[in-house]
Protein backbone atom coordinates (compact mmCIF):
# COMPACT_ATOMS: atom_id res chain seq x y z
CA MET A 1 17.55 9.23 8.17
CA LYS A 2 18.69 12.12 6.23
CA PRO A 3 16.53 15.65 6.61
CA GLN A 4 15.87 14.40 2.24
CA CYS A 5 14.68 11.36 3.04
CA HIS A 6 12.14 12.45 5.71
CA ALA A 7 10.70 15.06 3.79
CA LEU A 8 10.35 12.71 0.61
CA LEU A 9 8.22 10.10 2.97
CA VAL A 10 6.17 13.03 4.00
CA LYS A 11 5.32 14.13 0.38
CA ALA A 12 4.42 10.40 -0.03
CA GLU A 13 2.33 10.24 2.71
CA ARG A 14 0.30 13.14 1.39
CA ALA A 15 -0.08 11.76 -2.04
CA ILE A 16 -1.49 9.40 -0.76
CA HIS A 17 -4.09 11.55 1.52
CA ALA A 18 -4.79 13.40 -2.01
CA ALA A 19 -5.50 10.32 -3.83
CA ILE A 20 -7.83 9.03 -1.48
CA ARG A 21 -9.53 12.15 -1.46
CA LEU A 22 -9.29 12.68 -5.36
CA LYS A 23 -10.82 9.20 -6.11
CA GLN A 24 -13.19 10.00 -3.10
CA ASP A 25 -14.58 12.83 -5.97
CA GLY A 26 -14.36 10.49 -8.56
CA ASP A 27 -11.45 11.63 -10.01
CA LEU A 28 -10.05 8.03 -10.81
CA ASP A 29 -7.42 9.07 -13.05
CA PHE A 30 -5.73 11.94 -11.04
CA ALA A 31 -6.02 9.44 -7.99
CA ALA A 32 -3.71 7.09 -10.11
CA GLY A 33 -1.67 9.94 -10.76
CA ARG A 34 -0.96 10.52 -7.06
CA ALA A 35 -0.69 6.84 -6.02
CA TYR A 36 1.99 6.48 -8.18
CA TYR A 37 3.93 9.93 -7.25
CA ALA A 38 3.64 8.63 -3.46
CA MET A 39 5.56 5.23 -4.75
CA PHE A 40 7.77 7.22 -6.66
CA TYR A 41 8.79 9.07 -3.61
CA VAL A 42 9.53 6.35 -1.51
CA ALA A 43 11.51 4.99 -3.56
CA GLU A 44 13.53 8.29 -4.07
CA ALA A 45 14.01 8.70 -0.68
CA LEU A 46 15.61 4.65 -0.30
CA LEU A 47 17.70 5.37 -3.23
CA PHE A 48 18.50 8.91 -1.51
CA GLU A 49 19.26 7.78 1.59
CA ARG A 50 22.27 5.96 -0.31
CA GLY A 51 23.73 8.77 -1.65
CA LEU A 52 21.97 7.44 -5.47
CA THR A 53 19.72 10.78 -7.35
CA PHE A 54 18.24 10.15 -10.50
CA ARG A 55 16.50 12.90 -12.80
CA LYS A 56 14.02 10.59 -14.91
CA HIS A 57 11.52 8.15 -13.61
CA SER A 58 13.35 5.22 -15.40
CA GLY A 59 16.62 5.71 -13.45
CA VAL A 60 14.64 5.29 -10.23
CA HIS A 61 12.92 2.43 -11.44
CA THR A 62 16.33 0.48 -12.26
CA ALA A 63 18.01 1.79 -9.24
CA PHE A 64 15.26 0.79 -6.73
CA GLY A 65 14.94 -2.89 -8.69
CA GLU A 66 18.68 -3.14 -8.55
CA HIS A 67 19.53 -1.60 -4.74
CA PHE A 68 16.86 -2.95 -3.62
CA ALA A 69 14.58 -5.45 -4.87
CA LYS A 70 17.29 -7.57 -6.17
CA SER A 71 19.45 -7.40 -3.59
CA GLY A 72 16.36 -8.40 -1.41
CA ALA A 73 17.07 -5.27 1.00
CA MET A 74 13.07 -5.03 0.18
CA ASP A 75 10.50 -7.27 -1.13
CA SER A 76 10.61 -7.19 -5.14
CA ARG A 77 6.61 -7.06 -5.09
CA PHE A 78 7.01 -3.02 -4.37
CA HIS A 79 9.55 -2.95 -7.62
CA ARG A 80 6.77 -4.63 -9.51
CA HIS A 81 4.06 -2.06 -8.02
CA LEU A 82 6.08 1.12 -8.69
CA LEU A 83 6.51 -0.20 -12.40
CA ASP A 84 2.72 -1.01 -12.97
CA ALA A 85 1.38 2.29 -11.17
CA PHE A 86 3.80 4.13 -13.70
CA ASP A 87 1.70 2.43 -16.78
CA LYS A 88 -1.54 2.65 -14.98
CA ARG A 89 -0.72 6.09 -14.30
CA LEU A 90 0.64 6.79 -18.01
CA GLN A 91 -2.51 5.64 -19.12
CA ALA A 92 -4.97 8.05 -16.87
CA ASP A 93 -2.85 11.15 -17.48
CA TYR A 94 -2.31 10.52 -21.49
CA GLY A 95 -4.98 8.14 -22.44
CA PHE A 96 -8.41 10.06 -23.95
CA GLU A 97 -11.09 7.69 -22.02
CA ALA A 98 -11.37 6.07 -18.86
CA VAL A 99 -9.01 2.40 -18.45
CA LEU A 100 -9.07 2.81 -14.59
CA ASP A 101 -11.93 1.65 -12.13
CA VAL A 102 -12.27 1.67 -8.12
CA GLU A 103 -10.56 -1.21 -7.88
CA ASP A 104 -7.37 -0.23 -9.96
CA VAL A 105 -7.07 2.48 -7.57
CA ASP A 106 -8.09 1.24 -4.73
CA ALA A 107 -5.46 -1.32 -5.45
CA MET A 108 -2.89 1.60 -6.18
CA ILE A 109 -3.58 3.50 -3.03
CA ALA A 110 -3.22 0.25 -0.86
CA HIS A 111 0.45 -1.13 -2.73
CA ALA A 112 1.54 2.95 -1.99
CA GLY A 113 0.88 2.96 1.45
CA GLU A 114 2.05 -0.61 1.92
CA PHE A 115 5.34 0.59 0.72
CA LEU A 116 5.38 3.42 2.93
CA ALA A 117 4.76 1.97 5.53
CA THR A 118 7.80 -0.84 4.77
CA ALA A 119 10.25 2.27 3.88
CA ARG A 120 9.68 3.64 7.34
CA ALA A 121 10.16 0.59 9.11
CA PHE A 122 13.37 -0.01 6.98
CA PHE A 123 14.56 3.01 8.36
CA GLU A 124 13.62 2.56 11.69
CA ARG A 125 15.67 -1.16 11.11
CA SER A 126 18.79 1.28 9.49
CA LYS A 127 19.28 3.40 12.53
């Protein structure tokens, strides 16, 4: 695994821990953002390992779908979780009223943790 990929996975893990702490403090919108970014960092790490980098979130989303979900390299549900989390993060960041509840954020954090664990296993198999 490239050092940059490892660094992104560590960053994803830190984002998950931050999301948990923010949720415990009742900051659901900020917790949702950290959970999304955890998934985003995981997707970036996987793409970077293949020499692919992007400047926009949409580029990462699309490339992950093409190179990992559609190809069957990873379960396509991780692509769906990434896209759903992005939409929820936008609602949380730019909405004026709370739209996320604890169950939404719990699911996002769980999806981020599962995505991270699956990516780590993917990298281990790729050695």
